[in-house]
Amino acid sequence: MIFLRIFKLYLPFELFDRIKLMAKFYNLSISKMMKELLEIGYIEMLKNHNYKDND
């Protein structure tokens, strides 16, 4: 039997584009890169970061 786990992750477009670039650089799928980053807590850290501070 194959069990699939589905989870929904809502990200800002800018963050998704960053992850897409990282996945391309490391030659991974976007889903695999998101999973790896979630496991180390990187996405939560970036979501909590205030993007307006960089302007």
PDB file of N, CA and C in Angstrom:
ATOM      1  N   MET A   1       0.838  -1.186   0.000  1.00  0.00           N
ATOM      2  CA  MET A   1       0.000   0.000   0.000  1.00  0.00           C
ATOM      3  C   MET A   1       0.879   1.242   0.000  1.00  0.00           C
ATOM      4  N   ILE A   2       0.415   2.243  -0.676  1.00  0.00           N
ATOM      5  CA  ILE A   2       1.111   3.519  -0.710  1.00  0.00           C
ATOM      6  C   ILE A   2       0.271   4.543   0.044  1.00  0.00           C
ATOM      7  N   PHE A   3       0.897   5.189   0.994  1.00  0.00           N
ATOM      8  CA  PHE A   3       0.216   6.231   1.749  1.00  0.00           C
ATOM      9  C   PHE A   3       0.814   7.575   1.367  1.00  0.00           C
ATOM     10  N   LEU A   4      -0.031   8.505   1.060  1.00  0.00           N
ATOM     11  CA  LEU A   4       0.419   9.846   0.719  1.00  0.00           C
ATOM     12  C   LEU A   4       0.013  10.809   1.821  1.00  0.00           C
ATOM     13  N   ARG A   5       0.904  11.688   2.142  1.00  0.00           N
ATOM     14  CA  ARG A   5       0.584  12.740   3.106  1.00  0.00           C
ATOM     15  C   ARG A   5       0.524  14.047   2.346  1.00  0.00           C
ATOM     16  N   ILE A   6      -0.546  14.750   2.520  1.00  0.00           N
ATOM     17  CA  ILE A   6      -0.731  16.026   1.842  1.00  0.00           C
ATOM     18  C   ILE A   6      -0.793  17.119   2.894  1.00  0.00           C
ATOM     19  N   PHE A   7      -0.061  18.174   2.661  1.00  0.00           N
ATOM     20  CA  PHE A   7      -0.153  19.326   3.543  1.00  0.00           C
ATOM     21  C   PHE A   7      -0.168  20.573   2.676  1.00  0.00           C
ATOM     22  N   LYS A   8      -0.849  21.568   3.154  1.00  0.00           N
ATOM     23  CA  LYS A   8      -0.941  22.831   2.437  1.00  0.00           C
ATOM     24  C   LYS A   8      -0.058  23.850   3.135  1.00  0.00           C
ATOM     25  N   LEU A   9       0.690  24.572   2.340  1.00  0.00           N
ATOM     26  CA  LEU A   9       1.598  25.563   2.872  1.00  0.00           C
ATOM     27  C   LEU A   9       1.368  26.846   2.096  1.00  0.00           C
ATOM     28  N   TYR A  10       0.966  27.886   2.790  1.00  0.00           N
ATOM     29  CA  TYR A  10       0.718  29.167   2.141  1.00  0.00           C
ATOM     30  C   TYR A  10       1.936  30.057   2.323  1.00  0.00           C
ATOM     31  N   LEU A  11       2.534  30.454   1.207  1.00  0.00           N
ATOM     32  CA  LEU A  11       3.749  31.259   1.235  1.00  0.00           C
ATOM     33  C   LEU A  11       3.565  32.519   0.407  1.00  0.00           C
ATOM     34  N   PRO A  12       4.254  33.571   0.783  1.00  0.00           N
ATOM     35  CA  PRO A  12       4.281  34.752  -0.090  1.00  0.00           C
ATOM     36  C   PRO A  12       4.977  34.391  -1.409  1.00  0.00           C
ATOM     37  N   PHE A  13       4.604  35.068  -2.484  1.00  0.00           N
ATOM     38  CA  PHE A  13       5.191  34.779  -3.795  1.00  0.00           C
ATOM     39  C   PHE A  13       6.706  34.931  -3.781  1.00  0.00           C
ATOM     40  N   GLU A  14       7.202  35.947  -3.080  1.00  0.00           N
ATOM     41  CA  GLU A  14       8.640  36.176  -3.050  1.00  0.00           C
ATOM     42  C   GLU A  14       9.376  34.991  -2.421  1.00  0.00           C
ATOM     43  N   LEU A  15       8.813  34.437  -1.363  1.00  0.00           N
ATOM     44  CA  LEU A  15       9.423  33.299  -0.693  1.00  0.00           C
ATOM     45  C   LEU A  15       9.386  32.057  -1.577  1.00  0.00           C
ATOM     46  N   PHE A  16       8.270  31.862  -2.267  1.00  0.00           N
ATOM     47  CA  PHE A  16       8.169  30.718  -3.174  1.00  0.00           C
ATOM     48  C   PHE A  16       9.198  30.829  -4.296  1.00  0.00           C
ATOM     49  N   ASP A  17       9.393  32.034  -4.815  1.00  0.00           N
ATOM     50  CA  ASP A  17      10.384  32.232  -5.874  1.00  0.00           C
ATOM     51  C   ASP A  17      11.795  31.927  -5.374  1.00  0.00           C
ATOM     52  N   ARG A  18      12.083  32.299  -4.140  1.00  0.00           N
ATOM     53  CA  ARG A  18      13.389  31.982  -3.549  1.00  0.00           C
ATOM     54  C   ARG A  18      13.597  30.478  -3.464  1.00  0.00           C
ATOM     55  N   ILE A  19      12.568  29.784  -3.005  1.00  0.00           N
ATOM     56  CA  ILE A  19      12.658  28.329  -2.859  1.00  0.00           C
ATOM     57  C   ILE A  19      12.815  27.678  -4.222  1.00  0.00           C
ATOM     58  N   LYS A  20      12.111  28.209  -5.220  1.00  0.00           N
ATOM     59  CA  LYS A  20      12.221  27.679  -6.579  1.00  0.00           C
ATOM     60  C   LYS A  20      13.649  27.823  -7.106  1.00  0.00           C
ATOM     61  N   LEU A  21      14.260  28.966  -6.865  1.00  0.00           N
ATOM     62  CA  LEU A  21      15.640  29.179  -7.296  1.00  0.00           C
ATOM     63  C   LEU A  21      16.605  28.241  -6.568  1.00  0.00           C
ATOM     64  N   MET A  22      16.391  28.063  -5.274  1.00  0.00           N
ATOM     65  CA  MET A  22      17.248  27.149  -4.514  1.00  0.00           C
ATOM     66  C   MET A  22      17.111  25.726  -5.017  1.00  0.00           C
ATOM     67  N   ALA A  23      15.885  25.306  -5.307  1.00  0.00           N
ATOM     68  CA  ALA A  23      15.655  23.947  -5.809  1.00  0.00           C
ATOM     69  C   ALA A  23      16.353  23.747  -7.148  1.00  0.00           C
ATOM     70  N   LYS A  24      16.283  24.749  -7.994  1.00  0.00           N
ATOM     71  CA  LYS A  24      16.946  24.651  -9.294  1.00  0.00           C
ATOM     72  C   LYS A  24      18.465  24.582  -9.117  1.00  0.00           C
ATOM     73  N   PHE A  25      19.008  25.386  -8.216  1.00  0.00           N
ATOM     74  CA  PHE A  25      20.443  25.413  -7.970  1.00  0.00           C
ATOM     75  C   PHE A  25      20.947  24.059  -7.464  1.00  0.00           C
ATOM     76  N   TYR A  26      20.211  23.449  -6.538  1.00  0.00           N
ATOM     77  CA  TYR A  26      20.612  22.174  -5.959  1.00  0.00           C
ATOM     78  C   TYR A  26      20.073  20.967  -6.728  1.00  0.00           C
ATOM     79  N   ASN A  27      19.408  21.217  -7.851  1.00  0.00           N
ATOM     80  CA  ASN A  27      18.886  20.159  -8.718  1.00  0.00           C
ATOM     81  C   ASN A  27      17.913  19.235  -7.979  1.00  0.00           C
ATOM     82  N   LEU A  28      16.987  19.846  -7.230  1.00  0.00           N
ATOM     83  CA  LEU A  28      15.947  19.123  -6.512  1.00  0.00           C
ATOM     84  C   LEU A  28      14.586  19.593  -7.002  1.00  0.00           C
ATOM     85  N   SER A  29      13.562  18.801  -6.738  1.00  0.00           N
ATOM     86  CA  SER A  29      12.212  19.273  -7.038  1.00  0.00           C
ATOM     87  C   SER A  29      11.832  20.334  -6.010  1.00  0.00           C
ATOM     88  N   ILE A  30      10.876  21.166  -6.361  1.00  0.00           N
ATOM     89  CA  ILE A  30      10.432  22.228  -5.454  1.00  0.00           C
ATOM     90  C   ILE A  30       9.849  21.618  -4.176  1.00  0.00           C
ATOM     91  N   SER A  31       9.078  20.544  -4.327  1.00  0.00           N
ATOM     92  CA  SER A  31       8.478  19.884  -3.162  1.00  0.00           C
ATOM     93  C   SER A  31       9.537  19.337  -2.219  1.00  0.00           C
ATOM     94  N   LYS A  32      10.553  18.715  -2.786  1.00  0.00           N
ATOM     95  CA  LYS A  32      11.636  18.157  -1.959  1.00  0.00           C
ATOM     96  C   LYS A  32      12.387  19.275  -1.234  1.00  0.00           C
ATOM     97  N   MET A  33      12.629  20.373  -1.937  1.00  0.00           N
ATOM     98  CA  MET A  33      13.320  21.505  -1.312  1.00  0.00           C
ATOM     99  C   MET A  33      12.473  22.092  -0.188  1.00  0.00           C
ATOM    100  N   MET A  34      11.174  22.226  -0.404  1.00  0.00           N
ATOM    101  CA  MET A  34      10.284  22.751   0.641  1.00  0.00           C
ATOM    102  C   MET A  34      10.299  21.833   1.860  1.00  0.00           C
ATOM    103  N   LYS A  35      10.261  20.536   1.622  1.00  0.00           N
ATOM    104  CA  LYS A  35      10.277  19.574   2.728  1.00  0.00           C
ATOM    105  C   LYS A  35      11.572  19.690   3.520  1.00  0.00           C
ATOM    106  N   GLU A  36      12.683  19.771   2.830  1.00  0.00           N
ATOM    107  CA  GLU A  36      13.978  19.899   3.511  1.00  0.00           C
ATOM    108  C   GLU A  36      14.045  21.191   4.337  1.00  0.00           C
ATOM    109  N   LEU A  37      13.571  22.295   3.754  1.00  0.00           N
ATOM    110  CA  LEU A  37      13.613  23.572   4.459  1.00  0.00           C
ATOM    111  C   LEU A  37      12.656  23.592   5.650  1.00  0.00           C
ATOM    112  N   LEU A  38      11.508  22.943   5.499  1.00  0.00           N
ATOM    113  CA  LEU A  38      10.574  22.849   6.624  1.00  0.00           C
ATOM    114  C   LEU A  38      11.192  22.055   7.776  1.00  0.00           C
ATOM    115  N   GLU A  39      11.893  20.985   7.434  1.00  0.00           N
ATOM    116  CA  GLU A  39      12.500  20.152   8.475  1.00  0.00           C
ATOM    117  C   GLU A  39      13.535  20.915   9.293  1.00  0.00           C
ATOM    118  N   ILE A  40      14.250  21.823   8.663  1.00  0.00           N
ATOM    119  CA  ILE A  40      15.251  22.571   9.430  1.00  0.00           C
ATOM    120  C   ILE A  40      14.691  23.880   9.980  1.00  0.00           C
ATOM    121  N   GLY A  41      13.433  24.179   9.702  1.00  0.00           N
ATOM    122  CA  GLY A  41      12.797  25.369  10.257  1.00  0.00           C
ATOM    123  C   GLY A  41      13.072  26.637   9.485  1.00  0.00           C
ATOM    124  N   TYR A  42      13.657  26.533   8.325  1.00  0.00           N
ATOM    125  CA  TYR A  42      14.052  27.715   7.555  1.00  0.00           C
ATOM    126  C   TYR A  42      12.847  28.498   7.035  1.00  0.00           C
ATOM    127  N   ILE A  43      11.824  27.812   6.574  1.00  0.00           N
ATOM    128  CA  ILE A  43      10.653  28.509   6.023  1.00  0.00           C
ATOM    129  C   ILE A  43       9.935  29.289   7.112  1.00  0.00           C
ATOM    130  N   GLU A  44       9.788  28.704   8.291  1.00  0.00           N
ATOM    131  CA  GLU A  44       9.127  29.419   9.390  1.00  0.00           C
ATOM    132  C   GLU A  44       9.907  30.672   9.759  1.00  0.00           C
ATOM    133  N   MET A  45      11.227  30.552   9.741  1.00  0.00           N
ATOM    134  CA  MET A  45      12.058  31.702  10.066  1.00  0.00           C
ATOM    135  C   MET A  45      11.838  32.808   9.027  1.00  0.00           C
ATOM    136  N   LEU A  46      11.804  32.448   7.755  1.00  0.00           N
ATOM    137  CA  LEU A  46      11.617  33.450   6.713  1.00  0.00           C
ATOM    138  C   LEU A  46      10.203  34.029   6.719  1.00  0.00           C
ATOM    139  N   LYS A  47       9.204  33.213   7.037  1.00  0.00           N
ATOM    140  CA  LYS A  47       7.835  33.717   7.098  1.00  0.00           C
ATOM    141  C   LYS A  47       7.679  34.732   8.215  1.00  0.00           C
ATOM    142  N   ASN A  48       8.389  34.537   9.309  1.00  0.00           N
ATOM    143  CA  ASN A  48       8.300  35.446  10.447  1.00  0.00           C
ATOM    144  C   ASN A  48       9.112  36.710  10.244  1.00  0.00           C
ATOM    145  N   HIS A  49      10.013  36.698   9.271  1.00  0.00           N
ATOM    146  CA  HIS A  49      10.843  37.871   8.975  1.00  0.00           C
ATOM    147  C   HIS A  49       9.993  38.939   8.319  1.00  0.00           C
ATOM    148  N   ASN A  50      10.162  40.165   8.749  1.00  0.00           N
ATOM    149  CA  ASN A  50       9.391  41.269   8.176  1.00  0.00           C
ATOM    150  C   ASN A  50      10.105  41.776   6.934  1.00  0.00           C
ATOM    151  N   TYR A  51       9.522  41.566   5.755  1.00  0.00           N
ATOM    152  CA  TYR A  51      10.138  41.973   4.502  1.00  0.00           C
ATOM    153  C   TYR A  51      10.258  43.478   4.384  1.00  0.00           C
ATOM    154  N   LYS A  52       9.428  44.219   5.063  1.00  0.00           N
ATOM    155  CA  LYS A  52       9.446  45.666   4.938  1.00  0.00           C
ATOM    156  C   LYS A  52      10.696  46.290   5.575  1.00  0.00           C
ATOM    157  N   ASP A  53      11.364  45.546   6.451  1.00  0.00           N
ATOM    158  CA  ASP A  53      12.581  46.054   7.083  1.00  0.00           C
ATOM    159  C   ASP A  53      13.708  46.261   6.081  1.00  0.00           C
ATOM    160  N   ASN A  54      13.677  45.542   4.978  1.00  0.00           N
ATOM    161  CA  ASN A  54      14.749  45.604   3.985  1.00  0.00           C
ATOM    162  C   ASN A  54      14.597  46.782   3.021  1.00  0.00           C
ATOM    163  N   ASP A  55      13.487  47.489   3.059  1.00  0.00           N
ATOM    164  CA  ASP A  55      13.269  48.609   2.108  1.00  0.00           C
ATOM    165  C   ASP A  55      14.040  49.822   2.515  1.00  0.00           C
TER     166      ASP A  55
END
